[in-house]
Structure formats: structure tokens, C-alpha cells
């Protein structure tokens, strides 16, 4: 079935998120109260709400924000497949969301347009939608799935594809790249470092590079899962 999907119609993406404040005690009183209420079942004797916030503050759209959306698409050239990358990253979340929305509305607004990510149906897609609404941004058609039937939603998720109906399993992008022998560069940061790099080092560029590497890995994984050959390193372009 996947072989019928035209990879050129797919926009591959990944997002990086951080908590709205670096420390829990910097949240306003009402936000702290509501965070404690939301995470009360995670609180243990050896784990404070501050600890939970440090671990999960950026994961919840109500308490986090998007600082980078990296996208990639595949096209054919006379030398074979190429990957082209672009990133939207900014301290002002509304700015990057509006830029991303413009891309979707101008180039991915047809019934044939497809979005793809890893664990994106559980995280990236809903997170983007929630943060758009919080920022007062109307959802573009490809993300506005309310009332649509499952077969009308053009979203792909490589983690879901790998489950084959097994809803117990979580498999990381890194593990799938390993088992499919997809080369990935050694990163100087991981997802756990993003908030520190953002708040302490103010290095959005470094986070953007990390996010783009994940999108390249995602594209290579999708191509391998559909029986294709990896795109050569020299055919990957960053704007």
C-alpha cells in the first residue's frame, strides 16, 4: 500500500519544544497550580513537581512552546532522489507558526498533500495544532482534522507504520535507523538537552541543526520502509 504513496507529495517534519519558563517557580501561581493538578499522579516522594516540570514541561502544549519546526521533502533529479530541508525557528512562537502555516497553505493544501513524522500523530501534529489555537492562528486545512473520517486524514506516522497494529509498542526513530542500517551523524546534543541549550546557551541554531538531522533520518527511514534506496549524502540540501 505504501508503495502507492508518492513520496514527492509528502512533507516530512519534526518539532522541538521547551517549557514556557526554565524553572517551575517562574510560572505564575495559577499555572503552577494547574500543572500540579495535571501531573499529580506522577508526583512521588523522590520526585517534586519541579522535577516533573523539568522533565515534561515542554511536552505538554499547555505549558510548553515550539521553538523549531524542521521540514523536508523529496524530489527527483537527473541524478536520482534529493532531499531538501527548511527550518522555521524563532524565539517568538507565533512568528514561526505563521511561517509554517504559510508553507502549508501555499504548497500542501490539496487532497493529495501528506504530512509525515515519527510519533507525530501522538505528539507533533496535535502539539502544533494546540499551539496554533493558543496563539490565535486558524488551522490550515491539512491540520484541521475535526469531523474528518480516518481515511480523509492525510497524516502518516512511521512509528505507527512500524507497529502493524501492535498498540503496546513504542519504537524510537534512533532504534529504527539502527535496525535499518541508516547512517546517522553523532549529535552533540539529545532531546533532553534542548531546553538547556535554549535557555542557558541561547543557541537556536544548534537546536535547528539537531532537528534537521531527525527529519533527514525520518525521510531515509520512510524510503527504506517502502523498499527504496537511501538518498546519498551529497543529495541532501539545507536552505
C-alpha atoms as a PDB file:
ATOM      1  CA  UNK A   1       0.000   0.000   0.000  1.00  0.00           C
ATOM      2  CA  UNK A   2       2.768   2.452   0.929  1.00  0.00           C
ATOM      3  CA  UNK A   3       4.420   1.937  -2.442  1.00  0.00           C
ATOM      4  CA  UNK A   4       1.403   3.680  -3.966  1.00  0.00           C
ATOM      5  CA  UNK A   5       2.152   6.816  -1.949  1.00  0.00           C
ATOM      6  CA  UNK A   6       4.125   9.367  -3.947  1.00  0.00           C
ATOM      7  CA  UNK A   7       6.994  10.400  -1.700  1.00  0.00           C
ATOM      8  CA  UNK A   8       7.168  13.721  -3.561  1.00  0.00           C
ATOM      9  CA  UNK A   9       3.727  14.602  -2.142  1.00  0.00           C
ATOM     10  CA  UNK A  10       4.865  14.166   1.471  1.00  0.00           C
ATOM     11  CA  UNK A  11       6.094  16.895   3.787  1.00  0.00           C
ATOM     12  CA  UNK A  12       8.241  15.295   6.491  1.00  0.00           C
ATOM     13  CA  UNK A  13       8.582  17.207   9.741  1.00  0.00           C
ATOM     14  CA  UNK A  14       9.811  17.274  13.309  1.00  0.00           C
ATOM     15  CA  UNK A  15       9.423  19.835  16.077  1.00  0.00           C
ATOM     16  CA  UNK A  16      11.465  20.909  19.086  1.00  0.00           C
ATOM     17  CA  UNK A  17       9.682  22.194  22.170  1.00  0.00           C
ATOM     18  CA  UNK A  18      10.676  23.715  25.507  1.00  0.00           C
ATOM     19  CA  UNK A  19       8.823  24.707  28.689  1.00  0.00           C
ATOM     20  CA  UNK A  20       7.466  28.245  28.708  1.00  0.00           C
ATOM     21  CA  UNK A  21       9.774  29.057  31.619  1.00  0.00           C
ATOM     22  CA  UNK A  22      13.013  27.348  32.515  1.00  0.00           C
ATOM     23  CA  UNK A  23      12.128  26.864  36.187  1.00  0.00           C
ATOM     24  CA  UNK A  24       8.837  25.721  37.646  1.00  0.00           C
ATOM     25  CA  UNK A  25       8.785  28.510  40.232  1.00  0.00           C
ATOM     26  CA  UNK A  26       8.904  31.103  37.440  1.00  0.00           C
ATOM     27  CA  UNK A  27       5.422  30.100  36.298  1.00  0.00           C
ATOM     28  CA  UNK A  28       2.587  32.264  37.530  1.00  0.00           C
ATOM     29  CA  UNK A  29       0.704  30.915  40.541  1.00  0.00           C
ATOM     30  CA  UNK A  30      -2.331  29.691  38.603  1.00  0.00           C
ATOM     31  CA  UNK A  31      -0.163  27.876  36.032  1.00  0.00           C
ATOM     32  CA  UNK A  32       1.781  26.147  38.821  1.00  0.00           C
ATOM     33  CA  UNK A  33      -1.468  25.076  40.449  1.00  0.00           C
ATOM     34  CA  UNK A  34      -2.846  23.664  37.197  1.00  0.00           C
ATOM     35  CA  UNK A  35       0.419  21.898  36.349  1.00  0.00           C
ATOM     36  CA  UNK A  36       0.385  20.226  39.755  1.00  0.00           C
ATOM     37  CA  UNK A  37      -3.200  19.161  39.149  1.00  0.00           C
ATOM     38  CA  UNK A  38      -2.378  17.740  35.720  1.00  0.00           C
ATOM     39  CA  UNK A  39       0.661  15.792  36.934  1.00  0.00           C
ATOM     40  CA  UNK A  40      -0.459  14.895  40.470  1.00  0.00           C
ATOM     41  CA  UNK A  41      -0.339  11.145  39.780  1.00  0.00           C
ATOM     42  CA  UNK A  42       3.320  11.401  38.724  1.00  0.00           C
ATOM     43  CA  UNK A  43       4.401  13.026  41.971  1.00  0.00           C
ATOM     44  CA  UNK A  44       6.337  10.721  44.310  1.00  0.00           C
ATOM     45  CA  UNK A  45       8.395  11.149  47.454  1.00  0.00           C
ATOM     46  CA  UNK A  46      11.605  11.329  45.466  1.00  0.00           C
ATOM     47  CA  UNK A  47      10.169  13.494  42.683  1.00  0.00           C
ATOM     48  CA  UNK A  48       8.849  17.012  43.149  1.00  0.00           C
ATOM     49  CA  UNK A  49       6.588  18.953  40.824  1.00  0.00           C
ATOM     50  CA  UNK A  50       9.658  20.983  39.899  1.00  0.00           C
ATOM     51  CA  UNK A  51      11.389  17.753  38.800  1.00  0.00           C
ATOM     52  CA  UNK A  52       8.342  16.741  36.771  1.00  0.00           C
ATOM     53  CA  UNK A  53       8.212  20.167  35.154  1.00  0.00           C
ATOM     54  CA  UNK A  54      11.880  19.917  34.179  1.00  0.00           C
ATOM     55  CA  UNK A  55      11.180  16.542  32.557  1.00  0.00           C
ATOM     56  CA  UNK A  56       7.778  17.155  30.990  1.00  0.00           C
ATOM     57  CA  UNK A  57       7.061  20.889  30.896  1.00  0.00           C
ATOM     58  CA  UNK A  58       7.966  21.107  27.232  1.00  0.00           C
ATOM     59  CA  UNK A  59       5.944  18.016  26.322  1.00  0.00           C
ATOM     60  CA  UNK A  60       2.601  19.492  27.332  1.00  0.00           C
ATOM     61  CA  UNK A  61       1.276  22.043  24.843  1.00  0.00           C
ATOM     62  CA  UNK A  62      -0.444  23.919  27.675  1.00  0.00           C
ATOM     63  CA  UNK A  63       2.880  24.568  29.425  1.00  0.00           C
ATOM     64  CA  UNK A  64       5.387  24.481  26.561  1.00  0.00           C
ATOM     65  CA  UNK A  65       6.078  26.168  23.252  1.00  0.00           C
ATOM     66  CA  UNK A  66       7.543  25.301  19.877  1.00  0.00           C
ATOM     67  CA  UNK A  67      10.927  26.800  19.090  1.00  0.00           C
ATOM     68  CA  UNK A  68      11.695  24.946  15.843  1.00  0.00           C
ATOM     69  CA  UNK A  69       9.831  23.139  13.068  1.00  0.00           C
ATOM     70  CA  UNK A  70      12.093  21.478  10.526  1.00  0.00           C
ATOM     71  CA  UNK A  71      10.620  20.143   7.298  1.00  0.00           C
ATOM     72  CA  UNK A  72      11.979  18.134   4.406  1.00  0.00           C
ATOM     73  CA  UNK A  73      10.710  16.926   1.072  1.00  0.00           C
ATOM     74  CA  UNK A  74      11.952  14.598  -1.620  1.00  0.00           C
ATOM     75  CA  UNK A  75      12.160  15.320  -5.322  1.00  0.00           C
ATOM     76  CA  UNK A  76      13.606  13.575  -8.347  1.00  0.00           C
ATOM     77  CA  UNK A  77      16.523  14.927 -10.347  1.00  0.00           C
ATOM     78  CA  UNK A  78      18.626  13.543 -13.181  1.00  0.00           C
ATOM     79  CA  UNK A  79      20.940  12.070 -10.525  1.00  0.00           C
ATOM     80  CA  UNK A  80      18.165  10.414  -8.525  1.00  0.00           C
ATOM     81  CA  UNK A  81      16.328  11.366  -5.339  1.00  0.00           C
ATOM     82  CA  UNK A  82      17.174  14.563  -3.492  1.00  0.00           C
ATOM     83  CA  UNK A  83      16.203  15.732  -0.017  1.00  0.00           C
ATOM     84  CA  UNK A  84      15.647  19.439   0.539  1.00  0.00           C
ATOM     85  CA  UNK A  85      15.398  20.855   4.032  1.00  0.00           C
ATOM     86  CA  UNK A  86      13.973  24.023   5.549  1.00  0.00           C
ATOM     87  CA  UNK A  87      13.507  25.123   9.151  1.00  0.00           C
ATOM     88  CA  UNK A  88      11.309  27.633  10.930  1.00  0.00           C
ATOM     89  CA  UNK A  89      12.869  28.634  14.239  1.00  0.00           C
ATOM     90  CA  UNK A  90      12.324  31.705  16.366  1.00  0.00           C
ATOM     91  CA  UNK A  91      12.032  32.832  19.971  1.00  0.00           C
ATOM     92  CA  UNK A  92       8.586  34.170  19.110  1.00  0.00           C
ATOM     93  CA  UNK A  93       6.401  31.099  18.645  1.00  0.00           C
ATOM     94  CA  UNK A  94       3.657  32.934  16.760  1.00  0.00           C
ATOM     95  CA  UNK A  95       6.167  34.068  14.131  1.00  0.00           C
ATOM     96  CA  UNK A  96       7.424  30.568  13.317  1.00  0.00           C
ATOM     97  CA  UNK A  97       3.910  29.113  13.365  1.00  0.00           C
ATOM     98  CA  UNK A  98       2.702  31.721  10.888  1.00  0.00           C
ATOM     99  CA  UNK A  99       5.680  30.977   8.628  1.00  0.00           C
ATOM    100  CA  UNK A 100       4.959  27.253   8.803  1.00  0.00           C
ATOM    101  CA  UNK A 101       1.266  27.819   8.133  1.00  0.00           C
ATOM    102  CA  UNK A 102       2.138  29.860   5.049  1.00  0.00           C
ATOM    103  CA  UNK A 103       4.204  26.959   3.695  1.00  0.00           C
ATOM    104  CA  UNK A 104       1.313  24.539   4.233  1.00  0.00           C
ATOM    105  CA  UNK A 105      -1.276  26.821   2.648  1.00  0.00           C
ATOM    106  CA  UNK A 106       0.862  27.610  -0.395  1.00  0.00           C
ATOM    107  CA  UNK A 107       2.308  24.167  -1.135  1.00  0.00           C
ATOM    108  CA  UNK A 108       0.452  21.479   0.857  1.00  0.00           C
ATOM    109  CA  UNK A 109      -3.210  22.406   0.559  1.00  0.00           C
ATOM    110  CA  UNK A 110      -4.517  19.787  -1.883  1.00  0.00           C
ATOM    111  CA  UNK A 111      -6.261  16.475  -1.050  1.00  0.00           C
ATOM    112  CA  UNK A 112      -3.065  14.741  -2.189  1.00  0.00           C
ATOM    113  CA  UNK A 113      -0.846  16.561   0.336  1.00  0.00           C
ATOM    114  CA  UNK A 114       0.519  14.353   3.116  1.00  0.00           C
ATOM    115  CA  UNK A 115       2.304  15.138   6.384  1.00  0.00           C
ATOM    116  CA  UNK A 116       4.643  12.574   7.942  1.00  0.00           C
ATOM    117  CA  UNK A 117       6.543  12.374  11.216  1.00  0.00           C
ATOM    118  CA  UNK A 118       7.717   9.839  13.794  1.00  0.00           C
ATOM    119  CA  UNK A 119       5.240   9.518  16.663  1.00  0.00           C
ATOM    120  CA  UNK A 120       3.720  12.594  15.025  1.00  0.00           C
ATOM    121  CA  UNK A 121       0.094  11.541  15.421  1.00  0.00           C
ATOM    122  CA  UNK A 122       0.594  11.397  19.175  1.00  0.00           C
ATOM    123  CA  UNK A 123       2.882  14.400  19.533  1.00  0.00           C
ATOM    124  CA  UNK A 124       3.948  16.691  16.688  1.00  0.00           C
ATOM    125  CA  UNK A 125       0.639  17.159  14.840  1.00  0.00           C
ATOM    126  CA  UNK A 126      -1.581  17.735  17.893  1.00  0.00           C
ATOM    127  CA  UNK A 127       1.087  19.900  19.555  1.00  0.00           C
ATOM    128  CA  UNK A 128       1.299  22.172  16.513  1.00  0.00           C
ATOM    129  CA  UNK A 129      -2.498  22.429  16.332  1.00  0.00           C
ATOM    130  CA  UNK A 130      -2.852  23.253  20.023  1.00  0.00           C
ATOM    131  CA  UNK A 131      -0.144  25.895  19.946  1.00  0.00           C
ATOM    132  CA  UNK A 132      -1.649  27.456  16.810  1.00  0.00           C
ATOM    133  CA  UNK A 133      -5.026  27.775  18.514  1.00  0.00           C
ATOM    134  CA  UNK A 134      -3.448  29.157  21.696  1.00  0.00           C
ATOM    135  CA  UNK A 135      -1.708  31.776  19.535  1.00  0.00           C
ATOM    136  CA  UNK A 136      -4.979  32.649  17.789  1.00  0.00           C
ATOM    137  CA  UNK A 137      -3.923  31.117  14.460  1.00  0.00           C
ATOM    138  CA  UNK A 138      -6.551  29.414  12.321  1.00  0.00           C
ATOM    139  CA  UNK A 139      -5.577  25.881  11.420  1.00  0.00           C
ATOM    140  CA  UNK A 140      -4.575  25.241   7.798  1.00  0.00           C
ATOM    141  CA  UNK A 141      -6.717  22.604   6.026  1.00  0.00           C
ATOM    142  CA  UNK A 142      -4.124  19.812   6.229  1.00  0.00           C
ATOM    143  CA  UNK A 143      -4.094  20.103  10.042  1.00  0.00           C
ATOM    144  CA  UNK A 144      -7.787  20.816  10.563  1.00  0.00           C
ATOM    145  CA  UNK A 145      -8.975  17.234  11.031  1.00  0.00           C
ATOM    146  CA  UNK A 146     -12.038  17.802  13.228  1.00  0.00           C
ATOM    147  CA  UNK A 147     -15.006  15.901  11.826  1.00  0.00           C
ATOM    148  CA  UNK A 148     -12.955  14.107   9.181  1.00  0.00           C
ATOM    149  CA  UNK A 149     -13.165  10.366   8.691  1.00  0.00           C
ATOM    150  CA  UNK A 150      -9.925   8.440   9.340  1.00  0.00           C
ATOM    151  CA  UNK A 151      -9.342   7.819   5.629  1.00  0.00           C
ATOM    152  CA  UNK A 152      -9.711  11.530   4.930  1.00  0.00           C
ATOM    153  CA  UNK A 153      -6.774  12.472   7.165  1.00  0.00           C
ATOM    154  CA  UNK A 154      -3.543  12.550   5.176  1.00  0.00           C
ATOM    155  CA  UNK A 155      -1.149  12.048   8.061  1.00  0.00           C
ATOM    156  CA  UNK A 156       1.498   9.335   8.139  1.00  0.00           C
ATOM    157  CA  UNK A 157       3.465   8.218  11.170  1.00  0.00           C
ATOM    158  CA  UNK A 158       6.496   5.960  10.795  1.00  0.00           C
ATOM    159  CA  UNK A 159       6.130   4.708  14.351  1.00  0.00           C
ATOM    160  CA  UNK A 160       2.519   3.738  13.686  1.00  0.00           C
ATOM    161  CA  UNK A 161       3.532   2.055  10.440  1.00  0.00           C
ATOM    162  CA  UNK A 162       6.094   0.011  12.362  1.00  0.00           C
ATOM    163  CA  UNK A 163       3.522  -1.129  14.946  1.00  0.00           C
ATOM    164  CA  UNK A 164       1.488  -3.166  12.434  1.00  0.00           C
ATOM    165  CA  UNK A 165      -1.458  -2.958  14.811  1.00  0.00           C
ATOM    166  CA  UNK A 166       0.587  -3.616  17.972  1.00  0.00           C
ATOM    167  CA  UNK A 167      -0.530  -0.739  20.195  1.00  0.00           C
ATOM    168  CA  UNK A 168       1.757  -1.704  23.070  1.00  0.00           C
ATOM    169  CA  UNK A 169       4.949  -0.821  21.296  1.00  0.00           C
ATOM    170  CA  UNK A 170       6.957   2.401  21.283  1.00  0.00           C
ATOM    171  CA  UNK A 171       9.969   2.327  18.999  1.00  0.00           C
ATOM    172  CA  UNK A 172      12.292   5.308  18.762  1.00  0.00           C
ATOM    173  CA  UNK A 173      13.479   6.814  15.499  1.00  0.00           C
ATOM    174  CA  UNK A 174      17.062   6.111  16.586  1.00  0.00           C
ATOM    175  CA  UNK A 175      16.350   2.407  17.063  1.00  0.00           C
ATOM    176  CA  UNK A 176      14.631   2.059  13.689  1.00  0.00           C
ATOM    177  CA  UNK A 177      17.517   3.843  11.960  1.00  0.00           C
ATOM    178  CA  UNK A 178      19.863   1.380  13.654  1.00  0.00           C
ATOM    179  CA  UNK A 179      17.979  -1.749  12.600  1.00  0.00           C
ATOM    180  CA  UNK A 180      17.544  -0.448   9.027  1.00  0.00           C
ATOM    181  CA  UNK A 181      21.271   0.455   8.927  1.00  0.00           C
ATOM    182  CA  UNK A 182      20.574   4.115   8.204  1.00  0.00           C
ATOM    183  CA  UNK A 183      23.693   6.141   8.990  1.00  0.00           C
ATOM    184  CA  UNK A 184      23.056   8.994  11.408  1.00  0.00           C
ATOM    185  CA  UNK A 185      25.677  11.533  12.484  1.00  0.00           C
ATOM    186  CA  UNK A 186      26.752  11.664  16.101  1.00  0.00           C
ATOM    187  CA  UNK A 187      24.893  14.547  17.728  1.00  0.00           C
ATOM    188  CA  UNK A 188      26.432  16.795  20.335  1.00  0.00           C
ATOM    189  CA  UNK A 189      23.002  17.156  21.975  1.00  0.00           C
ATOM    190  CA  UNK A 190      19.946  14.989  22.554  1.00  0.00           C
ATOM    191  CA  UNK A 191      16.309  15.799  23.096  1.00  0.00           C
ATOM    192  CA  UNK A 192      16.962  16.036  26.836  1.00  0.00           C
ATOM    193  CA  UNK A 193      19.453  18.865  26.212  1.00  0.00           C
ATOM    194  CA  UNK A 194      17.179  21.113  24.124  1.00  0.00           C
ATOM    195  CA  UNK A 195      15.764  23.185  26.997  1.00  0.00           C
ATOM    196  CA  UNK A 196      19.218  23.720  28.490  1.00  0.00           C
ATOM    197  CA  UNK A 197      20.718  24.747  25.162  1.00  0.00           C
ATOM    198  CA  UNK A 198      17.799  27.097  24.552  1.00  0.00           C
ATOM    199  CA  UNK A 199      17.588  28.795  27.946  1.00  0.00           C
ATOM    200  CA  UNK A 200      21.214  28.681  29.093  1.00  0.00           C
ATOM    201  CA  UNK A 201      23.130  28.959  25.821  1.00  0.00           C
ATOM    202  CA  UNK A 202      20.508  30.774  23.724  1.00  0.00           C
ATOM    203  CA  UNK A 203      21.649  28.664  20.763  1.00  0.00           C
ATOM    204  CA  UNK A 204      18.636  28.179  18.494  1.00  0.00           C
ATOM    205  CA  UNK A 205      20.906  27.465  15.547  1.00  0.00           C
ATOM    206  CA  UNK A 206      22.325  24.403  17.291  1.00  0.00           C
ATOM    207  CA  UNK A 207      18.813  23.162  18.067  1.00  0.00           C
ATOM    208  CA  UNK A 208      17.767  23.725  14.461  1.00  0.00           C
ATOM    209  CA  UNK A 209      20.651  21.588  13.199  1.00  0.00           C
ATOM    210  CA  UNK A 210      19.682  18.821  15.637  1.00  0.00           C
ATOM    211  CA  UNK A 211      16.044  18.975  14.488  1.00  0.00           C
ATOM    212  CA  UNK A 212      17.004  18.836  10.810  1.00  0.00           C
ATOM    213  CA  UNK A 213      19.080  15.702  11.378  1.00  0.00           C
ATOM    214  CA  UNK A 214      15.993  13.972  12.758  1.00  0.00           C
ATOM    215  CA  UNK A 215      13.979  14.920   9.670  1.00  0.00           C
ATOM    216  CA  UNK A 216      16.668  13.581   7.337  1.00  0.00           C
ATOM    217  CA  UNK A 217      16.685  10.329   9.351  1.00  0.00           C
ATOM    218  CA  UNK A 218      12.877  10.227   9.174  1.00  0.00           C
ATOM    219  CA  UNK A 219      12.898  10.569   5.386  1.00  0.00           C
ATOM    220  CA  UNK A 220      15.564   7.903   4.960  1.00  0.00           C
ATOM    221  CA  UNK A 221      13.574   5.578   7.230  1.00  0.00           C
ATOM    222  CA  UNK A 222      10.381   6.076   5.241  1.00  0.00           C
ATOM    223  CA  UNK A 223      12.216   5.391   1.988  1.00  0.00           C
ATOM    224  CA  UNK A 224      13.714   2.179   3.403  1.00  0.00           C
ATOM    225  CA  UNK A 225      10.349   1.063   4.780  1.00  0.00           C
ATOM    226  CA  UNK A 226       8.872   1.450   1.304  1.00  0.00           C
ATOM    227  CA  UNK A 227      11.646  -0.572  -0.328  1.00  0.00           C
ATOM    228  CA  UNK A 228      13.695   2.287  -1.724  1.00  0.00           C
ATOM    229  CA  UNK A 229      17.381   3.121  -1.626  1.00  0.00           C
ATOM    230  CA  UNK A 230      18.847   5.680   0.734  1.00  0.00           C
ATOM    231  CA  UNK A 231      19.416   9.186  -0.589  1.00  0.00           C
ATOM    232  CA  UNK A 232      23.122   9.884  -0.946  1.00  0.00           C
ATOM    233  CA  UNK A 233      24.619  12.395   1.486  1.00  0.00           C
ATOM    234  CA  UNK A 234      25.622  14.657  -1.409  1.00  0.00           C
ATOM    235  CA  UNK A 235      21.974  14.875  -2.486  1.00  0.00           C
ATOM    236  CA  UNK A 236      20.765  16.381   0.799  1.00  0.00           C
ATOM    237  CA  UNK A 237      20.419  20.157   0.671  1.00  0.00           C
ATOM    238  CA  UNK A 238      19.841  22.608   3.503  1.00  0.00           C
ATOM    239  CA  UNK A 239      18.425  26.078   2.881  1.00  0.00           C
END
